């Protein structure tokens, strides 16, 4: 009977440990998802800025080319 009680205590301890691990992983998962959303928004903003900068540079190049050909 003592052996069964000891095994039951070990099992309870292991279950408690798994519950703690599961909670910690859940919190970590939520934090990572929030970080991912932030990074995705930052990326979208940077892509937009990059596109605007590219358009301005292309416009400047066209303007310089037209000035070169008009002289």
N, C-alpha and C. Protein backbone atom coordinates (compact mmCIF):
# COMPACT_ATOMS: atom_id res chain seq x y z
N UNK A 1 0.83 -1.20 0.00
CA UNK A 1 0.00 0.00 0.00
C UNK A 1 0.86 1.26 0.00
N UNK A 2 1.96 1.23 0.74
CA UNK A 2 2.84 2.39 0.78
C UNK A 2 3.41 2.70 -0.60
N UNK A 3 3.73 1.69 -1.35
CA UNK A 3 4.27 1.88 -2.69
C UNK A 3 3.26 2.58 -3.59
N UNK A 4 2.00 2.20 -3.47
CA UNK A 4 0.95 2.83 -4.27
C UNK A 4 0.78 4.29 -3.87
N UNK A 5 0.85 4.58 -2.57
CA UNK A 5 0.74 5.96 -2.10
C UNK A 5 1.92 6.80 -2.59
N UNK A 6 3.11 6.21 -2.56
CA UNK A 6 4.30 6.90 -3.04
C UNK A 6 4.19 7.20 -4.54
N UNK A 7 3.73 6.23 -5.30
CA UNK A 7 3.54 6.43 -6.74
C UNK A 7 2.50 7.51 -7.01
N UNK A 8 1.44 7.52 -6.20
CA UNK A 8 0.39 8.53 -6.36
C UNK A 8 0.96 9.92 -6.07
N UNK A 9 1.77 10.05 -5.04
CA UNK A 9 2.39 11.34 -4.71
C UNK A 9 3.32 11.79 -5.85
N UNK A 10 4.09 10.86 -6.39
CA UNK A 10 4.97 11.19 -7.52
C UNK A 10 4.16 11.67 -8.71
N UNK A 11 3.06 10.98 -8.97
CA UNK A 11 2.19 11.35 -10.09
C UNK A 11 1.59 12.73 -9.87
N UNK A 12 1.12 13.00 -8.65
CA UNK A 12 0.55 14.31 -8.34
C UNK A 12 1.60 15.40 -8.52
N UNK A 13 2.81 15.12 -8.07
CA UNK A 13 3.90 16.09 -8.21
C UNK A 13 4.19 16.36 -9.68
N UNK A 14 4.22 15.32 -10.45
CA UNK A 14 4.49 15.47 -11.89
C UNK A 14 3.37 16.25 -12.58
N UNK A 15 2.15 15.97 -12.21
CA UNK A 15 1.00 16.70 -12.79
C UNK A 15 1.09 18.18 -12.44
N UNK A 16 1.42 18.48 -11.16
CA UNK A 16 1.57 19.88 -10.75
C UNK A 16 2.67 20.57 -11.56
N UNK A 17 3.76 19.86 -11.77
CA UNK A 17 4.86 20.42 -12.56
C UNK A 17 4.42 20.68 -14.00
N UNK A 18 3.68 19.75 -14.58
CA UNK A 18 3.20 19.93 -15.95
C UNK A 18 2.22 21.10 -16.04
N UNK A 19 1.41 21.30 -15.01
CA UNK A 19 0.48 22.43 -15.00
C UNK A 19 1.26 23.74 -14.96
N UNK A 20 2.30 23.80 -14.14
CA UNK A 20 3.14 25.01 -14.08
C UNK A 20 3.82 25.27 -15.43
N UNK A 21 4.35 24.22 -16.01
CA UNK A 21 5.01 24.36 -17.32
C UNK A 21 4.02 24.84 -18.37
N UNK A 22 2.84 24.27 -18.35
CA UNK A 22 1.81 24.66 -19.33
C UNK A 22 1.45 26.14 -19.17
N UNK A 23 1.30 26.59 -17.93
CA UNK A 23 0.99 28.00 -17.68
C UNK A 23 2.10 28.91 -18.16
N UNK A 24 3.34 28.53 -17.88
CA UNK A 24 4.49 29.34 -18.30
C UNK A 24 4.56 29.40 -19.83
N UNK A 25 4.34 28.26 -20.48
CA UNK A 25 4.38 28.24 -21.95
C UNK A 25 3.25 29.06 -22.55
N UNK A 26 2.09 29.04 -21.89
CA UNK A 26 0.97 29.86 -22.37
C UNK A 26 1.30 31.34 -22.31
N UNK A 27 1.90 31.76 -21.18
CA UNK A 27 2.31 33.16 -21.05
C UNK A 27 3.37 33.53 -22.08
N UNK A 28 4.32 32.64 -22.26
CA UNK A 28 5.38 32.89 -23.25
C UNK A 28 4.79 32.98 -24.65
N UNK A 29 3.83 32.13 -24.95
CA UNK A 29 3.19 32.14 -26.26
C UNK A 29 2.45 33.46 -26.49
N UNK A 30 1.73 33.93 -25.47
CA UNK A 30 1.02 35.21 -25.61
C UNK A 30 2.01 36.35 -25.84
N UNK A 31 3.11 36.34 -25.10
CA UNK A 31 4.12 37.40 -25.27
C UNK A 31 4.73 37.36 -26.67
N UNK A 32 5.02 36.17 -27.16
CA UNK A 32 5.60 36.04 -28.49
C UNK A 32 4.63 36.48 -29.57
N UNK A 33 3.35 36.16 -29.39
CA UNK A 33 2.36 36.60 -30.38
C UNK A 33 2.23 38.12 -30.39
N UNK A 34 2.26 38.73 -29.21
CA UNK A 34 2.19 40.19 -29.14
C UNK A 34 3.42 40.80 -29.81
N UNK A 35 4.57 40.23 -29.55
CA UNK A 35 5.81 40.71 -30.17
C UNK A 35 5.74 40.56 -31.68
N UNK A 36 5.20 39.45 -32.14
CA UNK A 36 5.08 39.21 -33.58
C UNK A 36 4.17 40.25 -34.22
N UNK A 37 3.05 40.57 -33.56
CA UNK A 37 2.15 41.58 -34.10
C UNK A 37 2.86 42.94 -34.20
N UNK A 38 3.62 43.28 -33.16
CA UNK A 38 4.35 44.55 -33.16
C UNK A 38 5.36 44.58 -34.30
N UNK A 39 6.11 43.50 -34.45
CA UNK A 39 7.11 43.44 -35.52
C UNK A 39 6.47 43.50 -36.90
N UNK A 40 5.31 42.87 -37.06
CA UNK A 40 4.63 42.91 -38.35
C UNK A 40 4.19 44.34 -38.68
N UNK A 41 3.70 45.06 -37.65
CA UNK A 41 3.29 46.45 -37.88
C UNK A 41 4.50 47.31 -38.21
N UNK A 42 5.61 47.10 -37.49
CA UNK A 42 6.83 47.85 -37.79
C UNK A 42 7.30 47.56 -39.21
N UNK A 43 7.25 46.31 -39.60
CA UNK A 43 7.68 45.92 -40.95
C UNK A 43 6.83 46.61 -42.00
N UNK A 44 5.51 46.61 -41.77
CA UNK A 44 4.62 47.26 -42.74
C UNK A 44 4.95 48.74 -42.86
N UNK A 45 5.21 49.39 -41.73
CA UNK A 45 5.58 50.80 -41.75
C UNK A 45 6.89 51.04 -42.49
N UNK A 46 7.86 50.17 -42.25
CA UNK A 46 9.15 50.31 -42.93
C UNK A 46 9.03 50.06 -44.43
N UNK A 47 8.20 49.10 -44.82
CA UNK A 47 7.99 48.85 -46.25
C UNK A 47 7.35 50.06 -46.91
N UNK A 48 6.41 50.68 -46.20
CA UNK A 48 5.75 51.86 -46.75
C UNK A 48 6.75 53.02 -46.90
N UNK A 49 7.57 53.23 -45.87
CA UNK A 49 8.59 54.28 -45.95
C UNK A 49 9.57 54.01 -47.08
N UNK A 50 9.96 52.77 -47.22
CA UNK A 50 10.88 52.38 -48.28
C UNK A 50 10.27 52.67 -49.65
N UNK A 51 9.01 52.36 -49.80
CA UNK A 51 8.32 52.60 -51.08
C UNK A 51 8.26 54.09 -51.38
N UNK A 52 7.94 54.89 -50.36
CA UNK A 52 7.88 56.35 -50.57
C UNK A 52 9.26 56.89 -50.93
N UNK A 53 10.29 56.42 -50.25
CA UNK A 53 11.65 56.88 -50.55
C UNK A 53 12.05 56.49 -51.96
N UNK A 54 11.72 55.26 -52.36
CA UNK A 54 12.04 54.81 -53.71
C UNK A 54 11.34 55.69 -54.74
N UNK A 55 10.08 56.01 -54.51
CA UNK A 55 9.34 56.85 -55.44
C UNK A 55 9.96 58.25 -55.54
N UNK A 56 10.40 58.80 -54.39
CA UNK A 56 11.03 60.13 -54.41
C UNK A 56 12.35 60.09 -55.17
N UNK A 57 13.14 59.05 -54.94
CA UNK A 57 14.43 58.94 -55.63
C UNK A 57 14.20 58.79 -57.13
N UNK A 58 13.23 57.96 -57.51
CA UNK A 58 12.93 57.79 -58.94
C UNK A 58 12.48 59.11 -59.55
N UNK A 59 11.67 59.87 -58.81
CA UNK A 59 11.21 61.17 -59.32
C UNK A 59 12.38 62.13 -59.48
N UNK A 60 13.30 62.11 -58.52
CA UNK A 60 14.48 62.98 -58.62
C UNK A 60 15.34 62.60 -59.81
N UNK A 61 15.52 61.31 -60.03
CA UNK A 61 16.32 60.85 -61.17
C UNK A 61 15.68 61.28 -62.47
N UNK A 62 14.36 61.12 -62.57
CA UNK A 62 13.66 61.55 -63.79
C UNK A 62 13.81 63.05 -63.99
N UNK A 63 13.70 63.80 -62.89
CA UNK A 63 13.83 65.25 -62.98
C UNK A 63 15.24 65.63 -63.43
N UNK A 64 16.25 64.99 -62.85
CA UNK A 64 17.64 65.27 -63.26
C UNK A 64 17.87 64.89 -64.71
N UNK A 65 17.32 63.76 -65.14
CA UNK A 65 17.46 63.35 -66.54
C UNK A 65 16.80 64.37 -67.47
N UNK A 66 15.64 64.85 -67.09
CA UNK A 66 14.95 65.83 -67.96
C UNK A 66 15.71 67.15 -67.98
N UNK A 67 16.32 67.53 -66.86
CA UNK A 67 17.14 68.76 -66.84
C UNK A 67 18.38 68.58 -67.71
N UNK A 68 18.95 67.41 -67.68
CA UNK A 68 20.15 67.13 -68.47
C UNK A 68 19.85 67.20 -69.97
N UNK A 69 18.69 66.67 -70.35
CA UNK A 69 18.33 66.65 -71.77
C UNK A 69 17.83 68.00 -72.26
N UNK A 70 17.38 68.86 -71.38
CA UNK A 70 16.87 70.16 -71.81
C UNK A 70 17.98 71.20 -71.96
N UNK A 71 19.17 70.88 -71.48
CA UNK A 71 20.26 71.86 -71.61
C UNK A 71 21.08 71.68 -72.85
